[in-house]
């Protein structure tokens, strides 16, 4: 099955993951089962450190912070196997998001 990245973007909060309501954390814990029930598979899933820990490189120049600054920052990602892009978008609906969104991208060779 093809693989897809589901990139999670959220508005950053000072406490990071600690600021997430318990029901959102619990919902993240159910994502793998929901993916499996839909006929897909979870390959990997990670939360990311805050943007203050990020370093970006453009050519030889390294700067602090994300490559692209915006109102929402990448806060985590899943790599999933899905039948097709529409199935991957369906799977992205299982990912709880408070104040942001998700981006679904096909992975080359996946």
Protein backbone atom coordinates (compact mmCIF):
# COMPACT_ATOMS: atom_id res chain seq x y z
CA UNK A 1 0.00 0.00 0.00
CA UNK A 2 1.21 3.55 -0.66
CA UNK A 3 2.50 5.62 2.23
CA UNK A 4 1.46 9.14 3.21
CA UNK A 5 2.69 11.74 5.68
CA UNK A 6 0.03 13.44 7.77
CA UNK A 7 1.62 16.66 9.01
CA UNK A 8 -0.05 18.25 12.03
CA UNK A 9 0.05 22.03 12.44
CA UNK A 10 -1.07 23.73 15.65
CA UNK A 11 -0.75 27.14 17.22
CA UNK A 12 2.10 26.84 19.75
CA UNK A 13 1.44 27.24 23.46
CA UNK A 14 4.02 27.90 26.19
CA UNK A 15 3.50 24.48 27.80
CA UNK A 16 3.59 22.49 24.55
CA UNK A 17 2.10 18.98 24.95
CA UNK A 18 1.38 19.70 28.62
CA UNK A 19 -1.19 22.30 27.50
CA UNK A 20 -3.26 19.74 25.57
CA UNK A 21 -6.53 18.81 27.24
CA UNK A 22 -6.67 15.20 28.50
CA UNK A 23 -9.40 14.33 26.00
CA UNK A 24 -7.15 15.39 23.10
CA UNK A 25 -4.28 13.27 24.42
CA UNK A 26 -6.71 10.34 24.79
CA UNK A 27 -7.93 10.92 21.21
CA UNK A 28 -4.33 10.73 19.96
CA UNK A 29 -4.06 7.38 21.74
CA UNK A 30 -6.99 6.05 19.71
CA UNK A 31 -5.63 7.09 16.30
CA UNK A 32 -3.75 3.84 15.60
CA UNK A 33 -6.84 1.70 16.24
CA UNK A 34 -8.99 3.93 14.04
CA UNK A 35 -6.44 3.72 11.24
CA UNK A 36 -6.37 -0.09 11.47
CA UNK A 37 -10.19 -0.28 11.55
CA UNK A 38 -10.30 1.78 8.33
CA UNK A 39 -8.01 -0.70 6.55
CA UNK A 40 -4.85 1.40 6.83
CA UNK A 41 -1.71 1.00 8.92
CA UNK A 42 0.29 3.32 11.15
CA UNK A 43 4.00 3.21 10.29
CA UNK A 44 5.22 5.97 12.64
CA UNK A 45 3.90 8.88 14.65
CA UNK A 46 5.75 11.56 16.58
CA UNK A 47 5.16 14.88 18.30
CA UNK A 48 7.84 17.49 17.63
CA UNK A 49 9.68 19.78 20.01
CA UNK A 50 8.69 23.50 20.03
CA UNK A 51 9.94 25.77 17.25
CA UNK A 52 12.46 27.27 19.70
CA UNK A 53 14.37 23.98 19.29
CA UNK A 54 14.21 24.15 15.47
CA UNK A 55 17.10 24.97 13.17
CA UNK A 56 16.64 25.65 9.46
CA UNK A 57 19.17 25.67 6.66
CA UNK A 58 19.01 27.52 3.37
CA UNK A 59 22.18 26.73 1.47
CA UNK A 60 25.09 27.11 3.89
CA UNK A 61 23.20 29.49 6.22
CA UNK A 62 21.69 27.99 9.39
CA UNK A 63 19.12 29.98 11.35
CA UNK A 64 17.10 29.40 14.50
CA UNK A 65 13.41 28.66 14.13
CA UNK A 66 11.25 27.01 11.50
CA UNK A 67 11.93 27.33 7.77
CA UNK A 68 8.55 29.00 7.29
CA UNK A 69 7.02 31.04 10.09
CA UNK A 70 3.26 31.22 10.35
CA UNK A 71 0.42 31.27 12.83
CA UNK A 72 0.60 27.47 13.19
CA UNK A 73 3.76 25.39 13.51
CA UNK A 74 4.32 21.73 12.73
CA UNK A 75 3.62 19.95 16.00
CA UNK A 76 3.84 16.33 14.89
CA UNK A 77 3.33 13.84 12.11
CA UNK A 78 2.14 10.37 11.25
CA UNK A 79 3.32 8.13 8.44
CA UNK A 80 0.50 5.84 7.35
CA UNK A 81 -0.24 3.26 4.71
CA UNK A 82 -3.52 3.90 2.89
CA UNK A 83 -5.27 2.58 -0.21
CA UNK A 84 -5.03 5.96 -1.96
CA UNK A 85 -4.93 9.69 -1.30
CA UNK A 86 -8.64 9.83 -0.49
CA UNK A 87 -8.20 7.10 2.13
CA UNK A 88 -5.22 8.99 3.60
CA UNK A 89 -7.37 12.14 3.84
CA UNK A 90 -10.05 10.05 5.60
CA UNK A 91 -7.39 8.82 8.04
CA UNK A 92 -6.29 12.42 8.66
CA UNK A 93 -9.76 13.04 10.07
CA UNK A 94 -8.90 10.72 12.98
CA UNK A 95 -6.15 13.11 14.11
CA UNK A 96 -7.38 15.54 16.77
CA UNK A 97 -6.48 19.16 16.08
CA UNK A 98 -7.33 22.05 18.41
CA UNK A 99 -6.37 25.24 16.62
CA UNK A 100 -4.70 24.32 13.36
CA UNK A 101 -4.98 21.69 10.65
CA UNK A 102 -3.34 18.80 8.89
CA UNK A 103 -1.64 18.35 5.54
CA UNK A 104 -1.63 14.99 3.75
CA UNK A 105 1.30 14.32 1.41
CA UNK A 106 2.07 11.20 -0.63
CA UNK A 107 5.55 9.82 0.05
CA UNK A 108 7.78 8.87 -2.85
CA UNK A 109 8.66 5.19 -2.89
CA UNK A 110 6.22 4.54 -0.05
